[in-house]
C-alpha atoms as a PDB file:
ATOM      1  CA  MET A   1       0.000   0.000   0.000  1.00  0.00           C
ATOM      2  CA  ASP A   2       1.293   3.463  -0.902  1.00  0.00           C
ATOM      3  CA  VAL A   3       1.007   5.632   2.220  1.00  0.00           C
ATOM      4  CA  ASN A   4       0.847   8.890   0.250  1.00  0.00           C
ATOM      5  CA  LYS A   5      -2.059   7.609  -1.835  1.00  0.00           C
ATOM      6  CA  ARG A   6      -3.765   6.351   1.314  1.00  0.00           C
ATOM      7  CA  LEU A   7      -3.464   9.786   2.947  1.00  0.00           C
ATOM      8  CA  GLU A   8      -4.983  11.307  -0.183  1.00  0.00           C
ATOM      9  CA  GLN A   9      -7.850   8.769  -0.165  1.00  0.00           C
ATOM     10  CA  LEU A  10      -8.563   9.638   3.467  1.00  0.00           C
ATOM     11  CA  GLY A  11      -8.484  13.360   2.699  1.00  0.00           C
ATOM     12  CA  ILE A  12      -5.601  13.885   5.125  1.00  0.00           C
ATOM     13  CA  LEU A  13      -3.188  16.727   4.458  1.00  0.00           C
ATOM     14  CA  LEU A  14      -0.209  16.573   6.784  1.00  0.00           C
ATOM     15  CA  PRO A  15       0.629  19.777   8.645  1.00  0.00           C
ATOM     16  CA  GLU A  16       4.021  21.431   8.465  1.00  0.00           C
ATOM     17  CA  ALA A  17       6.477  19.532  10.629  1.00  0.00           C
ATOM     18  CA  PRO A  18       6.706  21.424  13.920  1.00  0.00           C
ATOM     19  CA  ASN A  19      10.036  22.869  14.995  1.00  0.00           C
ATOM     20  CA  ARG A  20      11.973  21.394  17.891  1.00  0.00           C
ATOM     21  CA  ALA A  21      11.046  22.816  21.265  1.00  0.00           C
ATOM     22  CA  GLY A  22      14.368  22.162  22.980  1.00  0.00           C
ATOM     23  CA  LEU A  23      17.773  20.575  22.720  1.00  0.00           C
ATOM     24  CA  TYR A  24      16.976  17.173  21.175  1.00  0.00           C
ATOM     25  CA  VAL A  25      16.444  15.518  17.806  1.00  0.00           C
ATOM     26  CA  GLN A  26      12.931  14.810  16.580  1.00  0.00           C
ATOM     27  CA  THR A  27      13.800  11.393  15.170  1.00  0.00           C
ATOM     28  CA  LYS A  28      16.637   9.012  15.896  1.00  0.00           C
ATOM     29  CA  GLU A  29      17.379   5.978  13.746  1.00  0.00           C
ATOM     30  CA  PHE A  30      19.050   3.107  15.563  1.00  0.00           C
ATOM     31  CA  GLY A  31      19.769  -0.583  15.223  1.00  0.00           C
ATOM     32  CA  GLU A  32      19.310  -1.981  11.759  1.00  0.00           C
ATOM     33  CA  ARG A  33      15.855  -0.585  10.937  1.00  0.00           C
ATOM     34  CA  MET A  34      14.390   1.223  13.939  1.00  0.00           C
ATOM     35  CA  VAL A  35      13.449   4.873  14.409  1.00  0.00           C
ATOM     36  CA  TYR A  36      12.297   6.695  17.528  1.00  0.00           C
ATOM     37  CA  VAL A  37      10.110   9.817  17.327  1.00  0.00           C
ATOM     38  CA  SER A  38      10.379  12.288  20.213  1.00  0.00           C
ATOM     39  CA  GLY A  39       7.216  13.466  21.934  1.00  0.00           C
ATOM     40  CA  CYS A  40       4.805  15.383  19.684  1.00  0.00           C
ATOM     41  CA  GLY A  41       2.126  17.764  20.886  1.00  0.00           C
ATOM     42  CA  PRO A  42      -1.245  18.593  19.310  1.00  0.00           C
ATOM     43  CA  ASP A  43      -0.680  22.146  18.017  1.00  0.00           C
ATOM     44  CA  LEU A  44      -0.927  22.108  14.211  1.00  0.00           C
ATOM     45  CA  ASN A  45       0.986  24.489  11.944  1.00  0.00           C
ATOM     46  CA  GLY A  46       2.152  26.550  14.908  1.00  0.00           C
ATOM     47  CA  LYS A  47      -1.396  27.374  16.028  1.00  0.00           C
ATOM     48  CA  GLU A  48      -2.267  26.620  19.630  1.00  0.00           C
ATOM     49  CA  GLU A  49      -5.163  24.220  19.794  1.00  0.00           C
ATOM     50  CA  LEU A  50      -6.463  22.771  23.043  1.00  0.00           C
ATOM     51  CA  LYS A  51      -5.038  23.597  26.455  1.00  0.00           C
ATOM     52  CA  GLY A  52      -5.847  21.993  29.798  1.00  0.00           C
ATOM     53  CA  LYS A  53      -6.489  18.625  31.377  1.00  0.00           C
ATOM     54  CA  LEU A  54      -8.760  15.721  30.624  1.00  0.00           C
ATOM     55  CA  GLY A  55     -11.438  15.497  33.283  1.00  0.00           C
ATOM     56  CA  GLU A  56     -11.433  19.266  33.680  1.00  0.00           C
ATOM     57  CA  GLU A  57     -11.400  21.606  30.636  1.00  0.00           C
ATOM     58  CA  ILE A  58     -10.985  18.887  27.997  1.00  0.00           C
ATOM     59  CA  SER A  59     -13.580  16.221  27.083  1.00  0.00           C
ATOM     60  CA  ILE A  60     -12.701  12.704  25.925  1.00  0.00           C
ATOM     61  CA  GLU A  61     -13.691  13.636  22.358  1.00  0.00           C
ATOM     62  CA  GLN A  62     -11.464  16.737  22.435  1.00  0.00           C
ATOM     63  CA  GLY A  63      -8.662  14.599  23.881  1.00  0.00           C
ATOM     64  CA  GLN A  64      -9.056  12.107  21.031  1.00  0.00           C
ATOM     65  CA  LEU A  65      -8.753  14.977  18.540  1.00  0.00           C
ATOM     66  CA  ALA A  66      -5.643  16.204  20.366  1.00  0.00           C
ATOM     67  CA  ALA A  67      -4.153  12.678  20.165  1.00  0.00           C
ATOM     68  CA  ARG A  68      -4.959  12.536  16.443  1.00  0.00           C
ATOM     69  CA  ASN A  69      -3.263  15.920  15.972  1.00  0.00           C
ATOM     70  CA  CYS A  70      -0.185  14.661  17.841  1.00  0.00           C
ATOM     71  CA  MET A  71      -0.023  11.791  15.372  1.00  0.00           C
ATOM     72  CA  LEU A  72      -0.414  14.115  12.385  1.00  0.00           C
ATOM     73  CA  ASN A  73       2.593  16.062  13.691  1.00  0.00           C
ATOM     74  CA  ALA A  74       4.544  12.833  14.193  1.00  0.00           C
ATOM     75  CA  LEU A  75       3.804  11.759  10.609  1.00  0.00           C
ATOM     76  CA  ALA A  76       4.865  15.192   9.315  1.00  0.00           C
ATOM     77  CA  ILE A  77       8.147  14.910  11.257  1.00  0.00           C
ATOM     78  CA  LEU A  78       8.711  11.393   9.919  1.00  0.00           C
ATOM     79  CA  LYS A  79       8.075  12.518   6.351  1.00  0.00           C
ATOM     80  CA  LYS A  80      10.512  15.418   6.787  1.00  0.00           C
ATOM     81  CA  ASN A  81      13.240  13.281   8.363  1.00  0.00           C
ATOM     82  CA  LEU A  82      12.812   9.995   6.473  1.00  0.00           C
ATOM     83  CA  GLY A  83      11.918  11.568   3.142  1.00  0.00           C
ATOM     84  CA  ASP A  84       9.117   9.090   2.460  1.00  0.00           C
ATOM     85  CA  LEU A  85       6.504   7.551   4.770  1.00  0.00           C
ATOM     86  CA  ASN A  86       6.581   4.452   2.574  1.00  0.00           C
ATOM     87  CA  ARG A  87       9.859   3.550   4.333  1.00  0.00           C
ATOM     88  CA  ILE A  88       7.817   2.570   7.396  1.00  0.00           C
ATOM     89  CA  GLN A  89       7.296  -1.175   7.822  1.00  0.00           C
ATOM     90  CA  SER A  90       5.425  -1.135  11.128  1.00  0.00           C
ATOM     91  CA  VAL A  91       4.461   1.090  14.038  1.00  0.00           C
ATOM     92  CA  VAL A  92       5.906  -0.900  16.932  1.00  0.00           C
ATOM     93  CA  LYS A  93       5.083   1.145  20.043  1.00  0.00           C
ATOM     94  CA  MET A  94       3.137   4.276  20.918  1.00  0.00           C
ATOM     95  CA  LEU A  95       3.460   6.033  24.256  1.00  0.00           C
ATOM     96  CA  ALA A  96       0.703   8.557  24.996  1.00  0.00           C
ATOM     97  CA  PHE A  97       0.951  10.966  27.901  1.00  0.00           C
ATOM     98  CA  ILE A  98      -2.425  12.453  28.861  1.00  0.00           C
ATOM     99  CA  ALA A  99      -2.597  15.426  31.229  1.00  0.00           C
ATOM    100  CA  SER A 100      -5.535  14.579  33.440  1.00  0.00           C
ATOM    101  CA  THR A 101      -7.102  15.097  36.810  1.00  0.00           C
ATOM    102  CA  ASN A 102      -6.677  12.519  39.558  1.00  0.00           C
ATOM    103  CA  GLU A 103     -10.267  11.366  38.933  1.00  0.00           C
ATOM    104  CA  PHE A 104      -9.870  10.771  35.182  1.00  0.00           C
ATOM    105  CA  TYR A 105      -9.344   7.128  34.227  1.00  0.00           C
ATOM    106  CA  SER A 106     -10.035   7.020  30.480  1.00  0.00           C
ATOM    107  CA  GLN A 107      -6.536   7.640  29.138  1.00  0.00           C
ATOM    108  CA  PRO A 108      -6.789   4.613  26.782  1.00  0.00           C
ATOM    109  CA  LEU A 109      -9.897   6.107  25.150  1.00  0.00           C
ATOM    110  CA  VAL A 110      -8.008   9.339  24.514  1.00  0.00           C
ATOM    111  CA  ALA A 111      -5.048   7.461  22.990  1.00  0.00           C
ATOM    112  CA  ASN A 112      -7.478   5.762  20.584  1.00  0.00           C
ATOM    113  CA  GLY A 113      -7.580   9.018  18.599  1.00  0.00           C
ATOM    114  CA  ALA A 114      -3.952   8.457  17.572  1.00  0.00           C
ATOM    115  CA  SER A 115      -4.164   4.669  17.212  1.00  0.00           C
ATOM    116  CA  GLN A 116      -7.185   5.020  14.919  1.00  0.00           C
ATOM    117  CA  LEU A 117      -5.310   7.352  12.600  1.00  0.00           C
ATOM    118  CA  LEU A 118      -2.320   4.999  12.403  1.00  0.00           C
ATOM    119  CA  SER A 119      -4.600   2.048  11.606  1.00  0.00           C
ATOM    120  CA  GLU A 120      -6.396   4.036   8.901  1.00  0.00           C
ATOM    121  CA  VAL A 121      -3.159   5.179   7.258  1.00  0.00           C
ATOM    122  CA  PHE A 122      -0.992   2.041   7.509  1.00  0.00           C
ATOM    123  CA  GLY A 123      -3.639  -0.667   7.878  1.00  0.00           C
ATOM    124  CA  GLU A 124      -4.367  -2.460  11.120  1.00  0.00           C
ATOM    125  CA  GLU A 125      -1.519  -4.981  10.932  1.00  0.00           C
ATOM    126  CA  ALA A 126       1.262  -2.446  10.315  1.00  0.00           C
ATOM    127  CA  GLY A 127      -0.352   0.586  11.943  1.00  0.00           C
ATOM    128  CA  CYS A 128      -1.895  -0.693  15.173  1.00  0.00           C
ATOM    129  CA  PRO A 129       0.914  -0.395  17.734  1.00  0.00           C
ATOM    130  CA  SER A 130       1.519  -1.855  21.133  1.00  0.00           C
ATOM    131  CA  ARG A 131       1.003   1.116  23.423  1.00  0.00           C
ATOM    132  CA  SER A 132       0.782   2.682  26.825  1.00  0.00           C
ATOM    133  CA  ALA A 133      -1.560   5.510  27.796  1.00  0.00           C
ATOM    134  CA  ILE A 134      -0.241   7.259  30.887  1.00  0.00           C
ATOM    135  CA  GLY A 135      -2.013   9.902  32.938  1.00  0.00           C
ATOM    136  CA  VAL A 136       0.274  12.740  34.018  1.00  0.00           C
ATOM    137  CA  ASN A 137      -0.162  15.867  36.111  1.00  0.00           C
ATOM    138  CA  VAL A 138       1.009  18.408  33.510  1.00  0.00           C
ATOM    139  CA  LEU A 139       2.567  18.566  30.054  1.00  0.00           C
ATOM    140  CA  PRO A 140       4.660  21.334  28.450  1.00  0.00           C
ATOM    141  CA  GLY A 141       2.686  24.433  27.504  1.00  0.00           C
ATOM    142  CA  ASN A 142      -0.441  23.036  29.188  1.00  0.00           C
ATOM    143  CA  ILE A 143      -1.098  20.716  26.215  1.00  0.00           C
ATOM    144  CA  PRO A 144      -3.474  17.845  26.993  1.00  0.00           C
ATOM    145  CA  VAL A 145      -1.644  15.065  25.072  1.00  0.00           C
ATOM    146  CA  GLU A 146       1.915  14.240  23.991  1.00  0.00           C
ATOM    147  CA  ILE A 147       2.820  11.132  21.988  1.00  0.00           C
ATOM    148  CA  GLU A 148       6.073   9.277  21.234  1.00  0.00           C
ATOM    149  CA  LEU A 149       6.585   6.530  18.648  1.00  0.00           C
ATOM    150  CA  LEU A 150       8.902   3.637  17.922  1.00  0.00           C
ATOM    151  CA  LEU A 151       8.841   2.325  14.342  1.00  0.00           C
ATOM    152  CA  GLU A 152      10.432  -0.369  12.216  1.00  0.00           C
ATOM    153  CA  LEU A 153      11.649   0.632   8.758  1.00  0.00           C
ATOM    154  CA  LYS A 154      11.576  -1.526   5.638  1.00  0.00           C
ATOM    155  CA  LYS A 155      14.695  -3.381   4.494  1.00  0.00           C
END
C-alpha cells in the first residue's frame, strides 16, 4: 500500500512539521531498521489548539482529537526526516501521555484518537501499535496530550 495515496484517499493533508522545542532531535534511527520519534504535541501548523487537562477543561472527544493531531505532527516529522513515509514497515510502540485530573481514568480512550489514525493510514496490521496511555499531572505548555513513537523501517 502506498502511504501517500492512502493519505490522499482519506483526505488527510499533513501539517508542516513542527520545529523542535528544545535541545533534542525529533527522530533518531538506531539498530538496523528502527526509528524513535520524540514526543509530539497537538498544536498544528504553529497554532495553539487545546489547552488543559482531561477530566477538567478537555472532554474525551477533544482529547481524542488532540491525540490525532499529535499523530499528524509525528507523521509530518517522519516525512521530513525519512523523506518518504513508505519507508515505514510497522508502528511498533506508541506512548501517549495524557494530562488529566486525579479522577480521570479514560486515558486509553483518549489514545485511541492516535491509534485510529495509524490504523487508517498504515492498515491495522502495520499501523496498530503496542502502546501505553499514561495519565500525568502536567505537560509542556499546558497541552493535553503528547505522543512518542517507535517504528520499524523496511529493508
